[in-house]
Each structure stands twice: as C-alpha cells, then as structure tokens.
PDB file of N, CA and C in Angstrom:
ATOM      1  N   MET A   1     102.590 114.267  87.891  1.00  0.00           N
ATOM      2  CA  MET A   1     102.636 113.314  86.804  1.00  0.00           C
ATOM      3  C   MET A   1     104.091 112.923  86.575  1.00  0.00           C
ATOM      4  N   SER A   2     104.339 111.620  86.502  1.00  0.00           N
ATOM      5  CA  SER A   2     105.702 111.146  86.274  1.00  0.00           C
ATOM      6  C   SER A   2     106.114 111.422  84.829  1.00  0.00           C
ATOM      7  N   VAL A   3     107.387 111.410  84.619  1.00  0.00           N
ATOM      8  CA  VAL A   3     107.917 111.623  83.274  1.00  0.00           C
ATOM      9  C   VAL A   3     107.413 110.524  82.338  1.00  0.00           C
ATOM     10  N   PHE A   4     107.401 109.290  82.816  1.00  0.00           N
ATOM     11  CA  PHE A   4     106.917 108.175  82.000  1.00  0.00           C
ATOM     12  C   PHE A   4     105.465 108.389  81.590  1.00  0.00           C
ATOM     13  N   ALA A   5     104.608 108.763  82.546  1.00  0.00           N
ATOM     14  CA  ALA A   5     103.190 108.998  82.246  1.00  0.00           C
ATOM     15  C   ALA A   5     103.042 110.140  81.251  1.00  0.00           C
ATOM     16  N   TRP A   6     103.869 111.160  81.369  1.00  0.00           N
ATOM     17  CA  TRP A   6     103.807 112.288  80.447  1.00  0.00           C
ATOM     18  C   TRP A   6     104.179 111.835  79.037  1.00  0.00           C
ATOM     19  N   ILE A   7     105.212 111.019  78.912  1.00  0.00           N
ATOM     20  CA  ILE A   7     105.633 110.532  77.599  1.00  0.00           C
ATOM     21  C   ILE A   7     104.535 109.673  76.975  1.00  0.00           C
ATOM     22  N   VAL A   8     103.943 108.780  77.772  1.00  0.00           N
ATOM     23  CA  VAL A   8     102.874 107.918  77.262  1.00  0.00           C
ATOM     24  C   VAL A   8     101.692 108.762  76.788  1.00  0.00           C
ATOM     25  N   ASP A   9     101.336 109.805  77.533  1.00  0.00           N
ATOM     26  CA  ASP A   9     100.237 110.681  77.125  1.00  0.00           C
ATOM     27  C   ASP A   9     100.579 111.473  75.877  1.00  0.00           C
ATOM     28  N   TRP A  10     101.833 111.774  75.667  1.00  0.00           N
ATOM     29  CA  TRP A  10     102.255 112.591  74.549  1.00  0.00           C
ATOM     30  C   TRP A  10     102.280 111.802  73.244  1.00  0.00           C
ATOM     31  N   VAL A  11     102.572 110.517  73.322  1.00  0.00           N
ATOM     32  CA  VAL A  11     102.680 109.672  72.129  1.00  0.00           C
ATOM     33  C   VAL A  11     101.288 109.518  71.502  1.00  0.00           C
ATOM     34  N   PRO A  12     101.162 109.693  70.192  1.00  0.00           N
ATOM     35  CA  PRO A  12      99.865 109.495  69.532  1.00  0.00           C
ATOM     36  C   PRO A  12      99.325 108.095  69.807  1.00  0.00           C
ATOM     37  N   SER A  13      98.020 107.963  69.886  1.00  0.00           N
ATOM     38  CA  SER A  13      97.401 106.708  70.314  1.00  0.00           C
ATOM     39  C   SER A  13      97.737 105.525  69.400  1.00  0.00           C
ATOM     40  N   LYS A  14      97.880 105.745  68.091  1.00  0.00           N
ATOM     41  CA  LYS A  14      98.240 104.642  67.193  1.00  0.00           C
ATOM     42  C   LYS A  14      99.608 104.088  67.571  1.00  0.00           C
ATOM     43  N   HIS A  15     100.554 104.977  67.813  1.00  0.00           N
ATOM     44  CA  HIS A  15     101.896 104.550  68.182  1.00  0.00           C
ATOM     45  C   HIS A  15     101.914 103.964  69.587  1.00  0.00           C
ATOM     46  N   ARG A  16     101.065 104.472  70.455  1.00  0.00           N
ATOM     47  CA  ARG A  16     100.963 103.926  71.805  1.00  0.00           C
ATOM     48  C   ARG A  16     100.486 102.474  71.738  1.00  0.00           C
ATOM     49  N   ALA A  17      99.526 102.216  70.867  1.00  0.00           N
ATOM     50  CA  ALA A  17      99.021 100.852  70.711  1.00  0.00           C
ATOM     51  C   ALA A  17     100.132  99.934  70.207  1.00  0.00           C
ATOM     52  N   GLN A  18     100.934 100.389  69.258  1.00  0.00           N
ATOM     53  CA  GLN A  18     102.051  99.581  68.756  1.00  0.00           C
ATOM     54  C   GLN A  18     103.071  99.327  69.860  1.00  0.00           C
ATOM     55  N   TRP A  19     103.342 100.352  70.652  1.00  0.00           N
ATOM     56  CA  TRP A  19     104.285 100.216  71.747  1.00  0.00           C
ATOM     57  C   TRP A  19     103.768  99.209  72.776  1.00  0.00           C
ATOM     58  N   LEU A  20     102.488  99.286  73.127  1.00  0.00           N
ATOM     59  CA  LEU A  20     101.901  98.343  74.078  1.00  0.00           C
ATOM     60  C   LEU A  20     101.934  96.917  73.530  1.00  0.00           C
ATOM     61  N   TYR A  21     101.678  96.769  72.248  1.00  0.00           N
ATOM     62  CA  TYR A  21     101.717  95.461  71.609  1.00  0.00           C
ATOM     63  C   TYR A  21     103.115  94.857  71.725  1.00  0.00           C
ATOM     64  N   ARG A  22     104.117  95.631  71.399  1.00  0.00           N
ATOM     65  CA  ARG A  22     105.499  95.144  71.479  1.00  0.00           C
ATOM     66  C   ARG A  22     105.893  94.820  72.915  1.00  0.00           C
ATOM     67  N   ARG A  23     105.450  95.651  73.849  1.00  0.00           N
ATOM     68  CA  ARG A  23     105.745  95.382  75.260  1.00  0.00           C
ATOM     69  C   ARG A  23     105.044  94.098  75.701  1.00  0.00           C
ATOM     70  N   GLY A  24     103.838  93.869  75.191  1.00  0.00           N
ATOM     71  CA  GLY A  24     103.136  92.631  75.493  1.00  0.00           C
ATOM     72  C   GLY A  24     103.911  91.416  75.022  1.00  0.00           C
ATOM     73  N   ILE A  25     104.484  91.494  73.836  1.00  0.00           N
ATOM     74  CA  ILE A  25     105.299  90.392  73.318  1.00  0.00           C
ATOM     75  C   ILE A  25     106.487  90.140  74.242  1.00  0.00           C
ATOM     76  N   LEU A  26     107.162  91.201  74.627  1.00  0.00           N
ATOM     77  CA  LEU A  26     108.312  91.056  75.519  1.00  0.00           C
ATOM     78  C   LEU A  26     107.892  90.434  76.848  1.00  0.00           C
ATOM     79  N   ARG A  27     106.827  90.927  77.427  1.00  0.00           N
ATOM     80  CA  ARG A  27     106.364  90.401  78.717  1.00  0.00           C
ATOM     81  C   ARG A  27     105.951  88.934  78.593  1.00  0.00           C
ATOM     82  N   ALA A  28     105.326  88.571  77.490  1.00  0.00           N
ATOM     83  CA  ALA A  28     104.927  87.169  77.297  1.00  0.00           C
ATOM     84  C   ALA A  28     106.157  86.275  77.204  1.00  0.00           C
ATOM     85  N   ARG A  29     107.156  86.723  76.487  1.00  0.00           N
ATOM     86  CA  ARG A  29     108.388  85.926  76.371  1.00  0.00           C
ATOM     87  C   ARG A  29     109.080  85.765  77.718  1.00  0.00           C
ATOM     88  N   LEU A  30     108.896  86.744  78.603  1.00  0.00           N
ATOM     89  CA  LEU A  30     109.451  86.660  79.955  1.00  0.00           C
ATOM     90  C   LEU A  30     108.523  85.898  80.898  1.00  0.00           C
ATOM     91  N   LYS A  31     107.428  85.376  80.336  1.00  0.00           N
ATOM     92  CA  LYS A  31     106.413  84.609  81.080  1.00  0.00           C
ATOM     93  C   LYS A  31     105.713  85.454  82.141  1.00  0.00           C
ATOM     94  N   LYS A  32     105.605  86.741  81.880  1.00  0.00           N
ATOM     95  CA  LYS A  32     104.825  87.650  82.724  1.00  0.00           C
ATOM     96  C   LYS A  32     103.444  87.769  82.078  1.00  0.00           C
ATOM     97  N   PHE A  33     102.684  86.677  82.186  1.00  0.00           N
ATOM     98  CA  PHE A  33     101.447  86.545  81.432  1.00  0.00           C
ATOM     99  C   PHE A  33     100.385  87.564  81.807  1.00  0.00           C
ATOM    100  N   GLN A  34     100.243  87.878  83.080  1.00  0.00           N
ATOM    101  CA  GLN A  34      99.229  88.849  83.500  1.00  0.00           C
ATOM    102  C   GLN A  34      99.545  90.237  82.943  1.00  0.00           C
ATOM    103  N   ALA A  35     100.801  90.632  82.979  1.00  0.00           N
ATOM    104  CA  ALA A  35     101.203  91.938  82.444  1.00  0.00           C
ATOM    105  C   ALA A  35     101.038  91.970  80.924  1.00  0.00           C
ATOM    106  N   ALA A  36     101.403  90.885  80.256  1.00  0.00           N
ATOM    107  CA  ALA A  36     101.232  90.814  78.797  1.00  0.00           C
ATOM    108  C   ALA A  36      99.759  90.898  78.439  1.00  0.00           C
ATOM    109  N   ASN A  37      98.922  90.196  79.194  1.00  0.00           N
ATOM    110  CA  ASN A  37      97.484  90.233  78.973  1.00  0.00           C
ATOM    111  C   ASN A  37      96.954  91.656  79.089  1.00  0.00           C
ATOM    112  N   ALA A  38      97.432  92.393  80.071  1.00  0.00           N
ATOM    113  CA  ALA A  38      96.991  93.783  80.255  1.00  0.00           C
ATOM    114  C   ALA A  38      97.398  94.651  79.069  1.00  0.00           C
ATOM    115  N   ASP A  39      98.615  94.454  78.561  1.00  0.00           N
ATOM    116  CA  ASP A  39      99.066  95.235  77.398  1.00  0.00           C
ATOM    117  C   ASP A  39      98.224  94.915  76.169  1.00  0.00           C
ATOM    118  N   TYR A  40      98.001  93.632  75.920  1.00  0.00           N
ATOM    119  CA  TYR A  40      97.189  93.247  74.764  1.00  0.00           C
ATOM    120  C   TYR A  40      95.757  93.769  74.901  1.00  0.00           C
ATOM    121  N   SER A  41      95.212  93.712  76.109  1.00  0.00           N
ATOM    122  CA  SER A  41      93.851  94.215  76.333  1.00  0.00           C
ATOM    123  C   SER A  41      93.761  95.706  76.044  1.00  0.00           C
ATOM    124  N   ALA A  42      94.792  96.451  76.435  1.00  0.00           N
ATOM    125  CA  ALA A  42      94.806  97.898  76.164  1.00  0.00           C
ATOM    126  C   ALA A  42      94.821  98.169  74.665  1.00  0.00           C
ATOM    127  N   VAL A  43      95.550  97.369  73.899  1.00  0.00           N
ATOM    128  CA  VAL A  43      95.577  97.533  72.442  1.00  0.00           C
ATOM    129  C   VAL A  43      94.202  97.219  71.863  1.00  0.00           C
ATOM    130  N   ILE A  44      93.599  96.135  72.320  1.00  0.00           N
ATOM    131  CA  ILE A  44      92.297  95.704  71.811  1.00  0.00           C
ATOM    132  C   ILE A  44      91.239  96.763  72.072  1.00  0.00           C
ATOM    133  N   GLU A  45      91.305  97.404  73.221  1.00  0.00           N
ATOM    134  CA  GLU A  45      90.313  98.413  73.599  1.00  0.00           C
ATOM    135  C   GLU A  45      90.595  99.781  72.990  1.00  0.00           C
ATOM    136  N   SER A  46      91.757  99.956  72.405  1.00  0.00           N
ATOM    137  CA  SER A  46      92.122 101.239  71.807  1.00  0.00           C
ATOM    138  C   SER A  46      91.317 101.482  70.531  1.00  0.00           C
ATOM    139  N   GLU A  47      90.590 102.576  70.496  1.00  0.00           N
ATOM    140  CA  GLU A  47      89.760 102.904  69.333  1.00  0.00           C
ATOM    141  C   GLU A  47      90.599 103.275  68.111  1.00  0.00           C
ATOM    142  N   ASN A  48      91.816 103.760  68.336  1.00  0.00           N
ATOM    143  CA  ASN A  48      92.644 104.217  67.228  1.00  0.00           C
ATOM    144  C   ASN A  48      93.646 103.186  66.739  1.00  0.00           C
ATOM    145  N   ALA A  49      93.648 102.010  67.332  1.00  0.00           N
ATOM    146  CA  ALA A  49      94.564 100.963  66.876  1.00  0.00           C
ATOM    147  C   ALA A  49      94.056 100.398  65.550  1.00  0.00           C
ATOM    148  N   PRO A  50      94.949 100.181  64.594  1.00  0.00           N
ATOM    149  CA  PRO A  50      94.534  99.584  63.322  1.00  0.00           C
ATOM    150  C   PRO A  50      93.949  98.188  63.552  1.00  0.00           C
ATOM    151  N   ALA A  51      93.058  97.775  62.676  1.00  0.00           N
ATOM    152  CA  ALA A  51      92.375  96.485  62.820  1.00  0.00           C
ATOM    153  C   ALA A  51      93.354  95.322  62.858  1.00  0.00           C
ATOM    154  N   ASP A  52      94.401  95.360  62.018  1.00  0.00           N
ATOM    155  CA  ASP A  52      95.342  94.240  62.011  1.00  0.00           C
ATOM    156  C   ASP A  52      96.126  94.155  63.315  1.00  0.00           C
ATOM    157  N   LEU A  53      96.422  95.294  63.923  1.00  0.00           N
ATOM    158  CA  LEU A  53      97.119  95.305  65.208  1.00  0.00           C
ATOM    159  C   LEU A  53      96.204  94.773  66.313  1.00  0.00           C
ATOM    160  N   ARG A  54      94.938  95.169  66.279  1.00  0.00           N
ATOM    161  CA  ARG A  54      93.976  94.657  67.256  1.00  0.00           C
ATOM    162  C   ARG A  54      93.815  93.142  67.095  1.00  0.00           C
ATOM    163  N   ALA A  55      93.787  92.664  65.865  1.00  0.00           N
ATOM    164  CA  ALA A  55      93.655  91.226  65.618  1.00  0.00           C
ATOM    165  C   ALA A  55      94.863  90.468  66.161  1.00  0.00           C
ATOM    166  N   MET A  56      96.058  90.984  65.926  1.00  0.00           N
ATOM    167  CA  MET A  56      97.260  90.326  66.443  1.00  0.00           C
ATOM    168  C   MET A  56      97.305  90.379  67.968  1.00  0.00           C
ATOM    169  N   ALA A  57      96.825  91.470  68.559  1.00  0.00           N
ATOM    170  CA  ALA A  57      96.772  91.555  70.021  1.00  0.00           C
ATOM    171  C   ALA A  57      95.787  90.519  70.573  1.00  0.00           C
ATOM    172  N   LEU A  58      94.651  90.357  69.904  1.00  0.00           N
ATOM    173  CA  LEU A  58      93.687  89.322  70.311  1.00  0.00           C
ATOM    174  C   LEU A  58      94.304  87.928  70.194  1.00  0.00           C
ATOM    175  N   PHE A  59      94.968  87.677  69.080  1.00  0.00           N
ATOM    176  CA  PHE A  59      95.607  86.387  68.863  1.00  0.00           C
ATOM    177  C   PHE A  59      96.657  86.121  69.937  1.00  0.00           C
ATOM    178  N   ASN A  60      97.514  87.097  70.190  1.00  0.00           N
ATOM    179  CA  ASN A  60      98.567  86.915  71.184  1.00  0.00           C
ATOM    180  C   ASN A  60      98.007  86.831  72.595  1.00  0.00           C
ATOM    181  N   ARG A  61      96.927  87.560  72.875  1.00  0.00           N
ATOM    182  CA  ARG A  61      96.293  87.432  74.194  1.00  0.00           C
ATOM    183  C   ARG A  61      95.745  86.016  74.368  1.00  0.00           C
ATOM    184  N   ALA A  62      95.245  85.434  73.286  1.00  0.00           N
ATOM    185  CA  ALA A  62      94.776  84.049  73.344  1.00  0.00           C
ATOM    186  C   ALA A  62      95.934  83.107  73.674  1.00  0.00           C
ATOM    187  N   LEU A  63      97.087  83.324  73.056  1.00  0.00           N
ATOM    188  CA  LEU A  63      98.249  82.483  73.335  1.00  0.00           C
ATOM    189  C   LEU A  63      98.681  82.604  74.791  1.00  0.00           C
ATOM    190  N   VAL A  64      98.676  83.831  75.298  1.00  0.00           N
ATOM    191  CA  VAL A  64      99.054  84.065  76.694  1.00  0.00           C
ATOM    192  C   VAL A  64      98.032  83.421  77.628  1.00  0.00           C
ATOM    193  N   SER A  65      96.766  83.579  77.326  1.00  0.00           N
ATOM    194  CA  SER A  65      95.721  82.970  78.162  1.00  0.00           C
ATOM    195  C   SER A  65      95.867  81.460  78.183  1.00  0.00           C
ATOM    196  N   TYR A  66      96.102  80.876  77.031  1.00  0.00           N
ATOM    197  CA  TYR A  66      96.262  79.428  76.945  1.00  0.00           C
ATOM    198  C   TYR A  66      97.485  78.968  77.745  1.00  0.00           C
ATOM    199  N   ALA A  67      98.592  79.690  77.597  1.00  0.00           N
ATOM    200  CA  ALA A  67      99.806  79.339  78.330  1.00  0.00           C
ATOM    201  C   ALA A  67      99.608  79.463  79.840  1.00  0.00           C
ATOM    202  N   ALA A  68      98.718  80.380  80.255  1.00  0.00           N
ATOM    203  CA  ALA A  68      98.436  80.583  81.678  1.00  0.00           C
ATOM    204  C   ALA A  68      97.357  79.628  82.184  1.00  0.00           C
ATOM    205  N   GLY A  69      96.813  78.800  81.298  1.00  0.00           N
ATOM    206  CA  GLY A  69      95.823  77.805  81.707  1.00  0.00           C
ATOM    207  C   GLY A  69      94.374  78.233  81.562  1.00  0.00           C
ATOM    208  N   ALA A  70      94.130  79.380  80.953  1.00  0.00           N
ATOM    209  CA  ALA A  70      92.760  79.885  80.759  1.00  0.00           C
ATOM    210  C   ALA A  70      92.303  79.560  79.333  1.00  0.00           C
ATOM    211  N   GLU A  71      92.036  78.288  79.088  1.00  0.00           N
ATOM    212  CA  GLU A  71      91.704  77.833  77.733  1.00  0.00           C
ATOM    213  C   GLU A  71      90.423  78.469  77.208  1.00  0.00           C
ATOM    214  N   SER A  72      89.410  78.638  78.047  1.00  0.00           N
ATOM    215  CA  SER A  72      88.151  79.220  77.566  1.00  0.00           C
ATOM    216  C   SER A  72      88.345  80.667  77.118  1.00  0.00           C
ATOM    217  N   ASP A  73      89.198  81.416  77.811  1.00  0.00           N
ATOM    218  CA  ASP A  73      89.500  82.785  77.389  1.00  0.00           C
ATOM    219  C   ASP A  73      90.225  82.780  76.047  1.00  0.00           C
ATOM    220  N   ALA A  74      91.133  81.823  75.881  1.00  0.00           N
ATOM    221  CA  ALA A  74      91.881  81.715  74.625  1.00  0.00           C
ATOM    222  C   ALA A  74      90.944  81.413  73.461  1.00  0.00           C
ATOM    223  N   VAL A  75      90.030  80.481  73.668  1.00  0.00           N
ATOM    224  CA  VAL A  75      89.069  80.124  72.618  1.00  0.00           C
ATOM    225  C   VAL A  75      88.202  81.323  72.261  1.00  0.00           C
ATOM    226  N   ARG A  76      87.754  82.047  73.251  1.00  0.00           N
ATOM    227  CA  ARG A  76      86.910  83.228  73.011  1.00  0.00           C
ATOM    228  C   ARG A  76      87.658  84.267  72.173  1.00  0.00           C
ATOM    229  N   ASP A  77      88.935  84.523  72.497  1.00  0.00           N
ATOM    230  CA  ASP A  77      89.707  85.502  71.731  1.00  0.00           C
ATOM    231  C   ASP A  77      89.946  85.028  70.300  1.00  0.00           C
ATOM    232  N   LEU A  78      90.253  83.756  70.127  1.00  0.00           N
ATOM    233  CA  LEU A  78      90.484  83.239  68.776  1.00  0.00           C
ATOM    234  C   LEU A  78      89.203  83.276  67.947  1.00  0.00           C
ATOM    235  N   ASP A  79      88.084  82.971  68.579  1.00  0.00           N
ATOM    236  CA  ASP A  79      86.799  83.076  67.864  1.00  0.00           C
ATOM    237  C   ASP A  79      86.531  84.519  67.439  1.00  0.00           C
ATOM    238  N   GLU A  80      86.899  85.462  68.292  1.00  0.00           N
ATOM    239  CA  GLU A  80      86.698  86.874  67.949  1.00  0.00           C
ATOM    240  C   GLU A  80      87.584  87.278  66.769  1.00  0.00           C
ATOM    241  N   VAL A  81      88.801  86.750  66.719  1.00  0.00           N
ATOM    242  CA  VAL A  81      89.678  87.011  65.570  1.00  0.00           C
ATOM    243  C   VAL A  81      89.006  86.507  64.292  1.00  0.00           C
ATOM    244  N   LEU A  82      88.435  85.318  64.354  1.00  0.00           N
ATOM    245  CA  LEU A  82      87.790  84.738  63.177  1.00  0.00           C
ATOM    246  C   LEU A  82      86.573  85.538  62.722  1.00  0.00           C
ATOM    247  N   GLU A  83      85.949  86.260  63.617  1.00  0.00           N
ATOM    248  CA  GLU A  83      84.770  87.061  63.269  1.00  0.00           C
ATOM    249  C   GLU A  83      85.133  88.423  62.685  1.00  0.00           C
ATOM    250  N   MET A  84      86.365  88.847  62.823  1.00  0.00           N
ATOM    251  CA  MET A  84      86.771  90.158  62.312  1.00  0.00           C
ATOM    252  C   MET A  84      86.739  90.142  60.787  1.00  0.00           C
ATOM    253  N   VAL A  85      86.233  91.208  60.191  1.00  0.00           N
ATOM    254  CA  VAL A  85      86.097  91.251  58.731  1.00  0.00           C
ATOM    255  C   VAL A  85      87.203  92.046  58.048  1.00  0.00           C
ATOM    256  N   ASP A  86      87.832  92.946  58.740  1.00  0.00           N
ATOM    257  CA  ASP A  86      88.785  93.853  58.097  1.00  0.00           C
ATOM    258  C   ASP A  86      90.238  93.516  58.422  1.00  0.00           C
ATOM    259  N   ILE A  87      90.556  92.212  58.458  1.00  0.00           N
ATOM    260  CA  ILE A  87      91.933  91.788  58.716  1.00  0.00           C
ATOM    261  C   ILE A  87      92.367  90.793  57.646  1.00  0.00           C
ATOM    262  N   GLY A  88      93.664  90.562  57.582  1.00  0.00           N
ATOM    263  CA  GLY A  88      94.204  89.640  56.597  1.00  0.00           C
ATOM    264  C   GLY A  88      93.849  88.197  56.896  1.00  0.00           C
ATOM    265  N   GLU A  89      93.758  87.427  55.842  1.00  0.00           N
ATOM    266  CA  GLU A  89      93.406  86.016  55.977  1.00  0.00           C
ATOM    267  C   GLU A  89      94.485  85.240  56.719  1.00  0.00           C
ATOM    268  N   ASN A  90      95.731  85.708  56.662  1.00  0.00           N
ATOM    269  CA  ASN A  90      96.811  84.997  57.348  1.00  0.00           C
ATOM    270  C   ASN A  90      96.590  84.941  58.858  1.00  0.00           C
ATOM    271  N   VAL A  91      96.053  85.989  59.445  1.00  0.00           N
ATOM    272  CA  VAL A  91      95.790  86.000  60.882  1.00  0.00           C
ATOM    273  C   VAL A  91      94.667  85.014  61.208  1.00  0.00           C
ATOM    274  N   LYS A  92      93.643  85.004  60.378  1.00  0.00           N
ATOM    275  CA  LYS A  92      92.531  84.069  60.589  1.00  0.00           C
ATOM    276  C   LYS A  92      93.005  82.623  60.437  1.00  0.00           C
ATOM    277  N   THR A  93      93.868  82.377  59.481  1.00  0.00           N
ATOM    278  CA  THR A  93      94.395  81.029  59.279  1.00  0.00           C
ATOM    279  C   THR A  93      95.154  80.558  60.515  1.00  0.00           C
ATOM    280  N   GLU A  94      95.976  81.424  61.075  1.00  0.00           N
ATOM    281  CA  GLU A  94      96.730  81.053  62.278  1.00  0.00           C
ATOM    282  C   GLU A  94      95.793  80.839  63.466  1.00  0.00           C
ATOM    283  N   ALA A  95      94.730  81.628  63.559  1.00  0.00           N
ATOM    284  CA  ALA A  95      93.752  81.443  64.635  1.00  0.00           C
ATOM    285  C   ALA A  95      93.074  80.080  64.508  1.00  0.00           C
ATOM    286  N   ARG A  96      92.708  79.712  63.285  1.00  0.00           N
ATOM    287  CA  ARG A  96      92.098  78.392  63.056  1.00  0.00           C
ATOM    288  C   ARG A  96      93.062  77.276  63.449  1.00  0.00           C
ATOM    289  N   ARG A  97      94.312  77.409  63.046  1.00  0.00           N
ATOM    290  CA  ARG A  97      95.317  76.391  63.363  1.00  0.00           C
ATOM    291  C   ARG A  97      95.510  76.249  64.868  1.00  0.00           C
ATOM    292  N   LYS A  98      95.538  77.365  65.564  1.00  0.00           N
ATOM    293  CA  LYS A  98      95.725  77.312  67.019  1.00  0.00           C
ATOM    294  C   LYS A  98      94.519  76.657  67.681  1.00  0.00           C
ATOM    295  N   LEU A  99      93.320  76.958  67.227  1.00  0.00           N
ATOM    296  CA  LEU A  99      92.127  76.315  67.784  1.00  0.00           C
ATOM    297  C   LEU A  99      92.186  74.799  67.601  1.00  0.00           C
ATOM    298  N   ILE A 100      92.627  74.358  66.438  1.00  0.00           N
ATOM    299  CA  ILE A 100      92.741  72.922  66.168  1.00  0.00           C
ATOM    300  C   ILE A 100      93.780  72.290  67.099  1.00  0.00           C
ATOM    301  N   ARG A 101      94.933  72.940  67.243  1.00  0.00           N
ATOM    302  CA  ARG A 101      95.970  72.399  68.129  1.00  0.00           C
ATOM    303  C   ARG A 101      95.487  72.348  69.575  1.00  0.00           C
ATOM    304  N   MET A 102      94.754  73.364  70.004  1.00  0.00           N
ATOM    305  CA  MET A 102      94.223  73.379  71.366  1.00  0.00           C
ATOM    306  C   MET A 102      93.223  72.249  71.571  1.00  0.00           C
ATOM    307  N   GLU A 103      92.375  72.032  70.577  1.00  0.00           N
ATOM    308  CA  GLU A 103      91.379  70.963  70.669  1.00  0.00           C
ATOM    309  C   GLU A 103      92.061  69.595  70.752  1.00  0.00           C
ATOM    310  N   ARG A 104      93.076  69.391  69.933  1.00  0.00           N
ATOM    311  CA  ARG A 104      93.808  68.118  69.963  1.00  0.00           C
ATOM    312  C   ARG A 104      94.499  67.909  71.308  1.00  0.00           C
ATOM    313  N   SER A 105      95.068  68.964  71.853  1.00  0.00           N
ATOM    314  CA  SER A 105      95.716  68.865  73.159  1.00  0.00           C
ATOM    315  C   SER A 105      94.705  68.514  74.239  1.00  0.00           C
ATOM    316  N   SER A 106      93.534  69.122  74.170  1.00  0.00           N
ATOM    317  CA  SER A 106      92.482  68.836  75.150  1.00  0.00           C
ATOM    318  C   SER A 106      92.026  67.394  75.053  1.00  0.00           C
ATOM    319  N   GLU A 107      91.888  66.890  73.831  1.00  0.00           N
ATOM    320  CA  GLU A 107      91.462  65.505  73.630  1.00  0.00           C
ATOM    321  C   GLU A 107      92.479  64.513  74.204  1.00  0.00           C
ATOM    322  N   ARG A 108      93.752  64.886  74.145  1.00  0.00           N
ATOM    323  CA  ARG A 108      94.801  64.010  74.675  1.00  0.00           C
ATOM    324  C   ARG A 108      95.005  64.218  76.179  1.00  0.00           C
ATOM    325  N   GLY A 109      94.315  65.201  76.741  1.00  0.00           N
ATOM    326  CA  GLY A 109      94.444  65.473  78.166  1.00  0.00           C
ATOM    327  C   GLY A 109      95.721  66.191  78.543  1.00  0.00           C
ATOM    328  N   GLU A 110      96.336  66.852  77.576  1.00  0.00           N
ATOM    329  CA  GLU A 110      97.574  67.586  77.836  1.00  0.00           C
ATOM    330  C   GLU A 110      97.269  68.908  78.515  1.00  0.00           C
ATOM    331  N   THR A 111      98.173  69.349  79.358  1.00  0.00           N
ATOM    332  CA  THR A 111      98.042  70.664  79.972  1.00  0.00           C
ATOM    333  C   THR A 111      98.892  71.643  79.186  1.00  0.00           C
ATOM    334  N   PRO A 112      98.416  72.876  79.052  1.00  0.00           N
ATOM    335  CA  PRO A 112      99.182  73.858  78.286  1.00  0.00           C
ATOM    336  C   PRO A 112     100.538  74.128  78.922  1.00  0.00           C
ATOM    337  N   THR A 113     101.570  74.098  78.117  1.00  0.00           N
ATOM    338  CA  THR A 113     102.901  74.475  78.574  1.00  0.00           C
ATOM    339  C   THR A 113     103.479  75.435  77.558  1.00  0.00           C
ATOM    340  N   PRO A 114     103.888  76.605  78.016  1.00  0.00           N
ATOM    341  CA  PRO A 114     104.439  77.577  77.077  1.00  0.00           C
ATOM    342  C   PRO A 114     105.765  77.093  76.506  1.00  0.00           C
ATOM    343  N   ASN A 115     105.921  77.264  75.214  1.00  0.00           N
ATOM    344  CA  ASN A 115     107.186  76.973  74.558  1.00  0.00           C
ATOM    345  C   ASN A 115     107.400  78.008  73.479  1.00  0.00           C
ATOM    346  N   ALA A 116     108.467  77.891  72.781  1.00  0.00           N
ATOM    347  CA  ALA A 116     108.799  78.903  71.773  1.00  0.00           C
ATOM    348  C   ALA A 116     107.730  79.030  70.705  1.00  0.00           C
ATOM    349  N   ASN A 117     107.005  77.958  70.405  1.00  0.00           N
ATOM    350  CA  ASN A 117     105.988  78.008  69.360  1.00  0.00           C
ATOM    351  C   ASN A 117     104.635  78.485  69.860  1.00  0.00           C
ATOM    352  N   SER A 118     104.430  78.536  71.173  1.00  0.00           N
ATOM    353  CA  SER A 118     103.119  78.930  71.672  1.00  0.00           C
ATOM    354  C   SER A 118     103.103  80.342  72.245  1.00  0.00           C
ATOM    355  N   LEU A 119     104.264  80.954  72.379  1.00  0.00           N
ATOM    356  CA  LEU A 119     104.284  82.310  72.898  1.00  0.00           C
ATOM    357  C   LEU A 119     104.105  83.308  71.758  1.00  0.00           C
ATOM    358  N   PRO A 120     103.579  84.480  72.088  1.00  0.00           N
ATOM    359  CA  PRO A 120     103.280  85.478  71.066  1.00  0.00           C
ATOM    360  C   PRO A 120     104.488  85.847  70.218  1.00  0.00           C
ATOM    361  N   GLN A 121     104.169  86.108  68.987  1.00  0.00           N
ATOM    362  CA  GLN A 121     105.175  86.498  68.017  1.00  0.00           C
ATOM    363  C   GLN A 121     104.820  87.869  67.457  1.00  0.00           C
ATOM    364  N   GLY A 122     105.780  88.544  66.906  1.00  0.00           N
ATOM    365  CA  GLY A 122     105.533  89.818  66.264  1.00  0.00           C
ATOM    366  C   GLY A 122     104.921  89.637  64.894  1.00  0.00           C
ATOM    367  N   SER A 123     104.532  90.736  64.310  1.00  0.00           N
ATOM    368  CA  SER A 123     103.947  90.713  62.984  1.00  0.00           C
ATOM    369  C   SER A 123     104.521  91.867  62.192  1.00  0.00           C
ATOM    370  N   SER A 124     104.723  91.644  60.929  1.00  0.00           N
ATOM    371  CA  SER A 124     105.238  92.727  60.097  1.00  0.00           C
ATOM    372  C   SER A 124     104.264  93.894  60.052  1.00  0.00           C
ATOM    373  N   HIS A 125     102.977  93.609  60.268  1.00  0.00           N
ATOM    374  CA  HIS A 125     101.974  94.680  60.255  1.00  0.00           C
ATOM    375  C   HIS A 125     102.078  95.551  61.498  1.00  0.00           C
ATOM    376  N   ALA A 126     102.577  94.999  62.577  1.00  0.00           N
ATOM    377  CA  ALA A 126     102.579  95.727  63.838  1.00  0.00           C
ATOM    378  C   ALA A 126     103.908  96.418  64.104  1.00  0.00           C
ATOM    379  N   ARG A 127     104.804  96.361  63.177  1.00  0.00           N
ATOM    380  CA  ARG A 127     106.131  96.950  63.422  1.00  0.00           C
ATOM    381  C   ARG A 127     106.255  98.318  62.849  1.00  0.00           C
TER     382      ARG A 127
END
C-alpha cells in the first residue's frame, strides 16, 4: 500500500469527501474534466458526505459535464439537485439558473465553452 493510499484510508470519510470535492474544483479549473468528474462522483456516492456537500458536488459535476459537452448528463445532475430536500435553497436557485442558461444556449445553437463563470466554484458549506 502506498503512503498516499494509507493517508486517504486513514482520513475520516467526511473529511475525505471534502478533500475530494476541493480536488474536483482544482481539476475542473485546470480543465481536467474527466478527473474532476470522478472526484465529484466519489463525493456523491459517499454515504457519509453531508447533504450540502453532495448537492454542491452534483452541481459542480453538472458544470463539468456541460463544459465537456455532455449536456444531458448536466441536466440530469441539476434535476437531481432540485429534487434534494435537505439542502439550502441557494443551491437549488443556482441549479435553476444554470438550467435556464443552458436552455437559452441550446436555443441559440451555442456550444458549451468553459469560462470563469461556468467552471465549478467552492462553497462556504464545503470548506
């Protein structure tokens, strides 16, 4: 077992989820969308991750999917955020806004291009 794997196993799962979330943000900003997607997916699948962290991971995975050209995956993740009951309204509001912007872009025939406003952002809840 590598030292890195040992450290990851040693860290409590809640903190591991936060660490993966932050790494996902970094990878997304570096336009390593597949790696960011994997980090966000690990947070989403983590049973011990807080609901707000899972919601932000879903939201950010949607942004990464959209930036990578997988609009249907992005819509599915944003819809799942909207269905969550135990998260703050601010996350749901941002999910609604992103869905509207995506729909408008599709109507205009625009292709997704990552920019500073479309890449994942951190959250005070996840820090």
